[in-house]
Amino acid sequence: MTTRRALMPPPPHGGDEQDWIAWAESHPISELIGMRCLAAEPGHVTLRVEESGWPLNPSGAVHGGMVLAWADQCLGLASMTTASPGSMAATATLAAEFLRPAVPPLTYDVHVHRSGRTLMFISMDVFDADGRQCAKVTGTMATNGNTRFLSVTPDDTDAERAS
């Protein structure tokens, strides 16, 4: 079995808010889950996941695992608004406090608090259909893992590691 890498559109560094919104919505995962970007600027994005046929708990709420999966997508999108061109962020930590049932649609208000050369610290508030906060999520993104190998062929990478 081979793994196929999804074709990811490059981030619109230097673009305006509409460019970032279009970019965030064009990701395969964003499209699959129906995630819409309501606002985007460096260090802050607001995203919404509508109720679109997702299985719900008996209470009518989204399963906590789904809330976190969507939060992870939000981390990636927000991190790129402050990342250097050519870098690629990866989730290092993800933690949540669930405050009440997450009744959809859900709105994620995401803030990048610190963005350095190797780490980014991000938090978000998740709001339910009534605009009440239903979860608080924090995460850390590692930004300098494999990025130094992005422009190198596999053979060059092996040689570089051996030296």
N, C-alpha and C. Protein backbone atom coordinates (compact mmCIF):
# COMPACT_ATOMS: atom_id res chain seq x y z
N MET A 1 0.84 -1.18 0.00
CA MET A 1 0.00 0.00 0.00
C MET A 1 0.89 1.24 0.00
N THR A 2 0.62 2.16 -0.88
CA THR A 2 1.38 3.39 -0.93
C THR A 2 0.57 4.54 -0.37
N THR A 3 1.27 5.49 0.17
CA THR A 3 0.62 6.67 0.72
C THR A 3 0.68 7.78 -0.32
N ARG A 4 -0.48 8.40 -0.56
CA ARG A 4 -0.51 9.53 -1.48
C ARG A 4 -0.60 10.81 -0.69
N ARG A 5 0.22 11.74 -1.04
CA ARG A 5 0.19 13.04 -0.38
C ARG A 5 -0.85 13.91 -1.07
N ALA A 6 -1.70 14.52 -0.26
CA ALA A 6 -2.73 15.41 -0.82
C ALA A 6 -2.07 16.62 -1.46
N LEU A 7 -2.62 17.06 -2.56
CA LEU A 7 -2.13 18.27 -3.21
C LEU A 7 -2.60 19.46 -2.39
N MET A 8 -1.67 20.14 -1.78
CA MET A 8 -2.00 21.26 -0.92
C MET A 8 -1.68 22.56 -1.65
N PRO A 9 -2.62 23.46 -1.69
CA PRO A 9 -2.34 24.75 -2.29
C PRO A 9 -1.36 25.53 -1.42
N PRO A 10 -0.42 26.24 -2.03
CA PRO A 10 0.54 26.99 -1.22
C PRO A 10 -0.14 28.16 -0.52
N PRO A 11 0.33 28.48 0.70
CA PRO A 11 -0.27 29.61 1.42
C PRO A 11 -0.02 30.92 0.66
N PRO A 12 -0.97 31.83 0.72
CA PRO A 12 -0.84 33.09 -0.04
C PRO A 12 -0.06 34.16 0.73
N HIS A 13 1.20 33.87 1.08
CA HIS A 13 1.99 34.85 1.82
C HIS A 13 2.00 36.17 1.05
N GLY A 14 1.70 37.25 1.75
CA GLY A 14 1.62 38.55 1.12
C GLY A 14 0.24 38.85 0.54
N GLY A 15 -0.67 37.88 0.64
CA GLY A 15 -2.02 38.08 0.11
C GLY A 15 -2.91 38.81 1.10
N ASP A 16 -4.09 39.18 0.64
CA ASP A 16 -5.04 39.87 1.51
C ASP A 16 -5.95 38.86 2.20
N GLU A 17 -6.91 39.34 2.99
CA GLU A 17 -7.79 38.47 3.75
C GLU A 17 -8.57 37.51 2.85
N GLN A 18 -9.04 37.99 1.72
CA GLN A 18 -9.81 37.12 0.81
C GLN A 18 -8.95 35.99 0.25
N ASP A 19 -7.67 36.26 0.00
CA ASP A 19 -6.76 35.22 -0.46
C ASP A 19 -6.60 34.13 0.60
N TRP A 20 -6.44 34.56 1.87
CA TRP A 20 -6.28 33.60 2.97
C TRP A 20 -7.57 32.80 3.19
N ILE A 21 -8.71 33.44 3.08
CA ILE A 21 -9.99 32.73 3.24
C ILE A 21 -10.13 31.67 2.15
N ALA A 22 -9.87 32.05 0.91
CA ALA A 22 -9.97 31.09 -0.20
C ALA A 22 -8.98 29.95 -0.01
N TRP A 23 -7.78 30.26 0.45
CA TRP A 23 -6.77 29.23 0.68
C TRP A 23 -7.23 28.25 1.77
N ALA A 24 -7.73 28.78 2.89
CA ALA A 24 -8.16 27.93 4.01
C ALA A 24 -9.30 27.00 3.58
N GLU A 25 -10.20 27.48 2.75
CA GLU A 25 -11.34 26.67 2.32
C GLU A 25 -10.99 25.69 1.21
N SER A 26 -9.84 25.89 0.55
CA SER A 26 -9.48 25.04 -0.58
C SER A 26 -8.75 23.76 -0.16
N HIS A 27 -8.40 23.63 1.10
CA HIS A 27 -7.71 22.41 1.55
C HIS A 27 -8.65 21.22 1.47
N PRO A 28 -8.14 20.07 1.05
CA PRO A 28 -9.00 18.88 0.93
C PRO A 28 -9.76 18.56 2.22
N ILE A 29 -9.12 18.67 3.38
CA ILE A 29 -9.81 18.36 4.63
C ILE A 29 -10.88 19.41 4.91
N SER A 30 -10.56 20.68 4.69
CA SER A 30 -11.56 21.73 4.89
C SER A 30 -12.78 21.48 4.02
N GLU A 31 -12.54 21.10 2.76
CA GLU A 31 -13.66 20.82 1.86
C GLU A 31 -14.45 19.62 2.34
N LEU A 32 -13.75 18.56 2.75
CA LEU A 32 -14.41 17.33 3.17
C LEU A 32 -15.33 17.55 4.38
N ILE A 33 -14.87 18.33 5.36
CA ILE A 33 -15.66 18.51 6.57
C ILE A 33 -16.60 19.71 6.49
N GLY A 34 -16.54 20.44 5.39
CA GLY A 34 -17.43 21.59 5.24
C GLY A 34 -17.00 22.77 6.08
N MET A 35 -15.69 22.92 6.30
CA MET A 35 -15.18 24.02 7.11
C MET A 35 -15.13 25.29 6.27
N ARG A 36 -15.73 26.34 6.77
CA ARG A 36 -15.74 27.64 6.10
C ARG A 36 -14.92 28.63 6.91
N CYS A 37 -14.13 29.42 6.22
CA CYS A 37 -13.32 30.44 6.88
C CYS A 37 -14.10 31.75 6.84
N LEU A 38 -14.37 32.29 8.02
CA LEU A 38 -15.14 33.53 8.12
C LEU A 38 -14.24 34.77 8.12
N ALA A 39 -13.03 34.62 8.66
CA ALA A 39 -12.08 35.74 8.73
C ALA A 39 -10.67 35.18 8.85
N ALA A 40 -9.72 35.90 8.29
CA ALA A 40 -8.32 35.46 8.36
C ALA A 40 -7.40 36.67 8.28
N GLU A 41 -6.50 36.74 9.22
CA GLU A 41 -5.44 37.73 9.22
C GLU A 41 -4.25 37.10 9.92
N PRO A 42 -3.07 37.68 9.82
CA PRO A 42 -1.92 37.06 10.48
C PRO A 42 -2.18 36.85 11.98
N GLY A 43 -2.10 35.59 12.39
CA GLY A 43 -2.25 35.24 13.80
C GLY A 43 -3.67 35.07 14.29
N HIS A 44 -4.67 35.20 13.43
CA HIS A 44 -6.06 35.05 13.87
C HIS A 44 -6.94 34.59 12.71
N VAL A 45 -7.62 33.47 12.92
CA VAL A 45 -8.60 33.01 11.95
C VAL A 45 -9.88 32.60 12.68
N THR A 46 -10.99 32.74 12.01
CA THR A 46 -12.27 32.29 12.52
C THR A 46 -12.85 31.35 11.49
N LEU A 47 -13.18 30.14 11.94
CA LEU A 47 -13.66 29.09 11.06
C LEU A 47 -14.96 28.51 11.59
N ARG A 48 -15.76 27.96 10.69
CA ARG A 48 -17.05 27.41 11.10
C ARG A 48 -17.27 26.07 10.41
N VAL A 49 -17.77 25.11 11.18
CA VAL A 49 -18.16 23.81 10.63
C VAL A 49 -19.66 23.70 10.81
N GLU A 50 -20.35 23.63 9.69
CA GLU A 50 -21.81 23.53 9.71
C GLU A 50 -22.22 22.10 10.04
N GLU A 51 -23.45 21.93 10.42
CA GLU A 51 -24.00 20.59 10.59
C GLU A 51 -24.30 20.07 9.20
N SER A 52 -23.55 19.05 8.80
CA SER A 52 -23.72 18.56 7.43
C SER A 52 -23.71 17.04 7.39
N GLY A 53 -24.59 16.44 8.15
CA GLY A 53 -24.70 15.00 8.10
C GLY A 53 -23.74 14.25 8.99
N TRP A 54 -22.97 14.95 9.84
CA TRP A 54 -22.06 14.25 10.74
C TRP A 54 -22.87 13.52 11.79
N PRO A 55 -22.46 12.29 12.15
CA PRO A 55 -23.15 11.58 13.22
C PRO A 55 -23.02 12.37 14.53
N LEU A 56 -24.10 12.48 15.26
CA LEU A 56 -24.10 13.22 16.51
C LEU A 56 -24.31 12.26 17.68
N ASN A 57 -23.89 12.70 18.86
CA ASN A 57 -24.16 11.95 20.08
C ASN A 57 -25.67 11.96 20.35
N PRO A 58 -26.15 11.10 21.24
CA PRO A 58 -27.58 11.12 21.59
C PRO A 58 -28.07 12.49 22.08
N SER A 59 -27.13 13.30 22.61
CA SER A 59 -27.51 14.63 23.09
C SER A 59 -27.66 15.64 21.96
N GLY A 60 -27.30 15.24 20.74
CA GLY A 60 -27.34 16.16 19.60
C GLY A 60 -26.04 16.92 19.41
N ALA A 61 -25.01 16.55 20.18
CA ALA A 61 -23.71 17.21 20.11
C ALA A 61 -22.72 16.41 19.26
N VAL A 62 -21.71 17.11 18.79
CA VAL A 62 -20.62 16.48 18.04
C VAL A 62 -19.74 15.71 19.03
N HIS A 63 -19.28 14.55 18.63
CA HIS A 63 -18.35 13.74 19.42
C HIS A 63 -17.08 14.55 19.69
N GLY A 64 -16.56 14.46 20.90
CA GLY A 64 -15.36 15.22 21.28
C GLY A 64 -14.17 14.95 20.38
N GLY A 65 -14.04 13.73 19.88
CA GLY A 65 -12.95 13.42 18.97
C GLY A 65 -13.04 14.21 17.68
N MET A 66 -14.26 14.43 17.20
CA MET A 66 -14.45 15.23 16.00
C MET A 66 -14.14 16.70 16.27
N VAL A 67 -14.57 17.17 17.45
CA VAL A 67 -14.27 18.56 17.82
C VAL A 67 -12.76 18.78 17.77
N LEU A 68 -11.99 17.80 18.30
CA LEU A 68 -10.53 17.92 18.30
C LEU A 68 -9.93 17.74 16.90
N ALA A 69 -10.49 16.85 16.10
CA ALA A 69 -9.97 16.69 14.74
C ALA A 69 -10.13 18.00 13.96
N TRP A 70 -11.29 18.63 14.11
CA TRP A 70 -11.51 19.91 13.44
C TRP A 70 -10.60 20.98 14.02
N ALA A 71 -10.36 20.94 15.34
CA ALA A 71 -9.45 21.90 15.97
C ALA A 71 -8.04 21.73 15.42
N ASP A 72 -7.63 20.50 15.16
CA ASP A 72 -6.30 20.26 14.61
C ASP A 72 -6.17 20.89 13.23
N GLN A 73 -7.22 20.81 12.43
CA GLN A 73 -7.20 21.48 11.12
C GLN A 73 -7.09 22.99 11.31
N CYS A 74 -7.79 23.52 12.30
CA CYS A 74 -7.71 24.95 12.60
C CYS A 74 -6.30 25.36 13.00
N LEU A 75 -5.62 24.51 13.79
CA LEU A 75 -4.23 24.79 14.19
C LEU A 75 -3.36 24.95 12.96
N GLY A 76 -3.49 24.01 12.04
CA GLY A 76 -2.66 24.06 10.84
C GLY A 76 -2.92 25.29 10.01
N LEU A 77 -4.19 25.63 9.83
CA LEU A 77 -4.52 26.81 9.02
C LEU A 77 -4.01 28.09 9.68
N ALA A 78 -4.25 28.24 10.98
CA ALA A 78 -3.82 29.46 11.67
C ALA A 78 -2.31 29.57 11.71
N SER A 79 -1.63 28.45 11.89
CA SER A 79 -0.17 28.50 11.99
C SER A 79 0.46 29.04 10.72
N MET A 80 -0.12 28.73 9.58
CA MET A 80 0.48 29.18 8.33
C MET A 80 0.34 30.68 8.11
N THR A 81 -0.58 31.33 8.83
CA THR A 81 -0.72 32.78 8.66
C THR A 81 0.46 33.54 9.25
N THR A 82 1.24 32.89 10.12
CA THR A 82 2.41 33.55 10.70
C THR A 82 3.72 32.83 10.36
N ALA A 83 3.63 31.69 9.70
CA ALA A 83 4.83 30.91 9.35
C ALA A 83 5.61 31.58 8.23
N SER A 84 6.89 31.31 8.20
CA SER A 84 7.74 31.81 7.13
C SER A 84 7.40 31.08 5.83
N PRO A 85 7.48 31.77 4.70
CA PRO A 85 7.26 31.08 3.43
C PRO A 85 8.21 29.90 3.31
N GLY A 86 7.68 28.77 2.85
CA GLY A 86 8.50 27.57 2.68
C GLY A 86 8.53 26.66 3.89
N SER A 87 8.02 27.12 5.03
CA SER A 87 8.02 26.26 6.20
C SER A 87 6.73 25.45 6.25
N MET A 88 6.76 24.39 7.05
CA MET A 88 5.59 23.53 7.19
C MET A 88 5.44 23.20 8.67
N ALA A 89 4.30 23.54 9.24
CA ALA A 89 4.06 23.28 10.65
C ALA A 89 3.42 21.90 10.83
N ALA A 90 3.71 21.27 11.95
CA ALA A 90 3.12 19.99 12.30
C ALA A 90 2.68 20.04 13.76
N THR A 91 1.56 19.41 14.07
CA THR A 91 1.04 19.43 15.43
C THR A 91 1.99 18.69 16.36
N ALA A 92 2.36 19.37 17.44
CA ALA A 92 3.22 18.75 18.46
C ALA A 92 2.38 18.39 19.68
N THR A 93 1.50 19.29 20.11
CA THR A 93 0.59 19.00 21.23
C THR A 93 -0.79 19.52 20.89
N LEU A 94 -1.79 18.88 21.50
CA LEU A 94 -3.18 19.29 21.32
C LEU A 94 -3.92 18.90 22.59
N ALA A 95 -4.55 19.86 23.25
CA ALA A 95 -5.27 19.60 24.49
C ALA A 95 -6.58 20.37 24.48
N ALA A 96 -7.58 19.81 25.17
CA ALA A 96 -8.89 20.47 25.19
C ALA A 96 -9.54 20.37 26.55
N GLU A 97 -10.35 21.37 26.82
CA GLU A 97 -11.27 21.35 27.95
C GLU A 97 -12.66 21.46 27.35
N PHE A 98 -13.49 20.46 27.62
CA PHE A 98 -14.85 20.46 27.11
C PHE A 98 -15.75 21.05 28.20
N LEU A 99 -16.44 22.13 27.87
CA LEU A 99 -17.22 22.87 28.85
C LEU A 99 -18.71 22.54 28.82
N ARG A 100 -19.20 22.17 27.65
CA ARG A 100 -20.61 21.80 27.47
C ARG A 100 -20.72 21.06 26.15
N PRO A 101 -21.86 20.42 25.88
CA PRO A 101 -22.00 19.72 24.59
C PRO A 101 -21.79 20.66 23.41
N ALA A 102 -21.09 20.16 22.41
CA ALA A 102 -20.76 20.93 21.21
C ALA A 102 -21.85 20.74 20.16
N VAL A 103 -22.93 21.50 20.30
CA VAL A 103 -24.05 21.40 19.38
C VAL A 103 -23.75 22.24 18.14
N PRO A 104 -23.73 21.60 16.96
CA PRO A 104 -23.37 22.32 15.74
C PRO A 104 -24.46 23.28 15.29
N PRO A 105 -24.06 24.26 14.46
CA PRO A 105 -22.74 24.46 13.89
C PRO A 105 -21.75 24.98 14.93
N LEU A 106 -20.47 24.67 14.70
CA LEU A 106 -19.41 25.09 15.62
C LEU A 106 -18.55 26.17 14.98
N THR A 107 -18.19 27.15 15.79
CA THR A 107 -17.32 28.23 15.34
C THR A 107 -16.03 28.17 16.15
N TYR A 108 -14.91 28.19 15.44
CA TYR A 108 -13.58 28.14 16.05
C TYR A 108 -12.92 29.50 15.90
N ASP A 109 -12.62 30.14 17.02
CA ASP A 109 -11.93 31.43 17.03
C ASP A 109 -10.50 31.16 17.46
N VAL A 110 -9.56 31.24 16.52
CA VAL A 110 -8.20 30.74 16.70
C VAL A 110 -7.19 31.89 16.75
N HIS A 111 -6.31 31.84 17.75
CA HIS A 111 -5.28 32.88 17.93
C HIS A 111 -3.90 32.25 18.05
N VAL A 112 -2.97 32.76 17.25
CA VAL A 112 -1.56 32.38 17.40
C VAL A 112 -0.97 33.36 18.39
N HIS A 113 -0.54 32.85 19.55
CA HIS A 113 -0.01 33.72 20.60
C HIS A 113 1.47 34.00 20.45
N ARG A 114 2.18 33.00 19.99
CA ARG A 114 3.62 33.14 19.80
C ARG A 114 4.04 32.32 18.61
N SER A 115 4.85 32.91 17.77
CA SER A 115 5.33 32.21 16.58
C SER A 115 6.82 32.44 16.48
N GLY A 116 7.57 31.37 16.73
CA GLY A 116 9.02 31.48 16.67
C GLY A 116 9.59 30.68 15.50
N ARG A 117 10.88 30.50 15.55
CA ARG A 117 11.56 29.78 14.47
C ARG A 117 11.21 28.30 14.46
N THR A 118 10.95 27.71 15.66
CA THR A 118 10.69 26.28 15.72
C THR A 118 9.35 25.90 16.34
N LEU A 119 8.74 26.79 17.09
CA LEU A 119 7.47 26.47 17.75
C LEU A 119 6.47 27.60 17.61
N MET A 120 5.18 27.22 17.61
CA MET A 120 4.09 28.18 17.64
C MET A 120 3.13 27.73 18.73
N PHE A 121 2.59 28.70 19.46
CA PHE A 121 1.64 28.42 20.52
C PHE A 121 0.30 29.02 20.13
N ILE A 122 -0.71 28.16 20.09
CA ILE A 122 -2.00 28.55 19.54
C ILE A 122 -3.11 28.13 20.50
N SER A 123 -4.14 28.97 20.60
CA SER A 123 -5.32 28.59 21.39
C SER A 123 -6.56 28.95 20.59
N MET A 124 -7.64 28.30 20.97
CA MET A 124 -8.91 28.62 20.32
C MET A 124 -10.06 28.39 21.26
N ASP A 125 -11.08 29.17 21.05
CA ASP A 125 -12.35 29.00 21.74
C ASP A 125 -13.31 28.42 20.71
N VAL A 126 -14.08 27.42 21.14
CA VAL A 126 -15.05 26.79 20.26
C VAL A 126 -16.43 27.15 20.78
N PHE A 127 -17.27 27.66 19.88
CA PHE A 127 -18.61 28.11 20.24
C PHE A 127 -19.65 27.23 19.57
N ASP A 128 -20.75 26.97 20.29
CA ASP A 128 -21.83 26.12 19.78
C ASP A 128 -22.84 26.93 18.98
N ALA A 129 -23.93 26.28 18.62
CA ALA A 129 -24.97 26.90 17.78
C ALA A 129 -25.58 28.14 18.42
N ASP A 130 -25.59 28.20 19.75
CA ASP A 130 -26.15 29.35 20.46
C ASP A 130 -25.10 30.40 20.79
N GLY A 131 -23.87 30.22 20.30
CA GLY A 131 -22.81 31.18 20.57
C GLY A 131 -22.18 31.04 21.93
N ARG A 132 -22.47 29.93 22.63
CA ARG A 132 -21.87 29.68 23.94
C ARG A 132 -20.58 28.90 23.76
N GLN A 133 -19.58 29.23 24.58
CA GLN A 133 -18.32 28.51 24.50
C GLN A 133 -18.52 27.08 24.98
N CYS A 134 -18.17 26.13 24.13
CA CYS A 134 -18.34 24.72 24.49
C CYS A 134 -17.01 24.00 24.68
N ALA A 135 -15.91 24.61 24.22
CA ALA A 135 -14.59 23.99 24.42
C ALA A 135 -13.51 25.06 24.33
N LYS A 136 -12.40 24.77 25.01
CA LYS A 136 -11.17 25.57 24.91
C LYS A 136 -10.09 24.60 24.46
N VAL A 137 -9.38 24.96 23.42
CA VAL A 137 -8.36 24.07 22.86
C VAL A 137 -7.04 24.83 22.77
N THR A 138 -5.96 24.17 23.14
CA THR A 138 -4.62 24.74 22.98
C THR A 138 -3.75 23.75 22.24
N GLY A 139 -2.78 24.27 21.54
CA GLY A 139 -1.88 23.40 20.81
C GLY A 139 -0.55 24.07 20.55
N THR A 140 0.43 23.24 20.29
CA THR A 140 1.76 23.70 19.91
C THR A 140 2.07 23.11 18.55
N MET A 141 2.59 23.92 17.67
CA MET A 141 2.99 23.46 16.35
C MET A 141 4.51 23.51 16.26
N ALA A 142 5.10 22.45 15.77
CA ALA A 142 6.54 22.41 15.49
C ALA A 142 6.71 22.90 14.06
N THR A 143 7.59 23.87 13.88
CA THR A 143 7.69 24.49 12.55
C THR A 143 9.00 24.25 11.84
N ASN A 144 9.91 23.51 12.44
CA ASN A 144 11.19 23.31 11.77
C ASN A 144 11.60 21.86 11.78
N GLY A 145 10.62 20.94 11.73
CA GLY A 145 10.95 19.52 11.72
C GLY A 145 11.59 19.12 10.42
N ASN A 146 10.79 18.72 9.46
CA ASN A 146 11.31 18.26 8.17
C ASN A 146 11.44 19.38 7.16
N THR A 147 11.13 20.61 7.54
CA THR A 147 11.11 21.68 6.54
C THR A 147 12.48 21.92 5.92
N ARG A 148 13.54 21.61 6.64
CA ARG A 148 14.86 21.84 6.04
C ARG A 148 15.14 20.86 4.92
N PHE A 149 14.31 19.80 4.78
CA PHE A 149 14.51 18.83 3.72
C PHE A 149 13.51 18.99 2.57
N LEU A 150 12.65 19.99 2.62
CA LEU A 150 11.59 20.11 1.62
C LEU A 150 12.11 20.26 0.20
N SER A 151 13.22 20.95 0.01
CA SER A 151 13.70 21.19 -1.34
C SER A 151 14.82 20.24 -1.73
N VAL A 152 15.01 19.15 -0.99
CA VAL A 152 16.09 18.21 -1.23
C VAL A 152 15.51 16.89 -1.71
N THR A 153 16.19 16.23 -2.63
CA THR A 153 15.74 14.92 -3.09
C THR A 153 16.02 13.88 -2.02
N PRO A 154 15.33 12.73 -2.02
CA PRO A 154 15.57 11.70 -1.00
C PRO A 154 17.03 11.26 -0.94
N ASP A 155 17.71 11.13 -2.09
CA ASP A 155 19.11 10.72 -2.06
C ASP A 155 19.97 11.76 -1.39
N ASP A 156 19.71 13.06 -1.68
CA ASP A 156 20.47 14.14 -1.03
C ASP A 156 20.22 14.13 0.47
N THR A 157 18.98 13.86 0.89
CA THR A 157 18.64 13.84 2.31
C THR A 157 19.43 12.75 3.02
N ASP A 158 19.51 11.55 2.43
CA ASP A 158 20.27 10.46 3.04
C ASP A 158 21.73 10.82 3.16
N ALA A 159 22.29 11.45 2.12
CA ALA A 159 23.70 11.85 2.16
C ALA A 159 23.92 12.92 3.23
N GLU A 160 22.97 13.88 3.34
CA GLU A 160 23.11 14.94 4.32
C GLU A 160 23.06 14.38 5.73
N ARG A 161 22.19 13.41 5.97
CA ARG A 161 22.10 12.80 7.29
C ARG A 161 23.34 12.03 7.66
N ALA A 162 23.97 11.40 6.66
CA ALA A 162 25.17 10.59 6.91
C ALA A 162 26.38 11.44 7.24
N SER A 163 26.37 12.71 6.81
CA SER A 163 27.56 13.55 7.04
C SER A 163 27.54 14.22 8.40
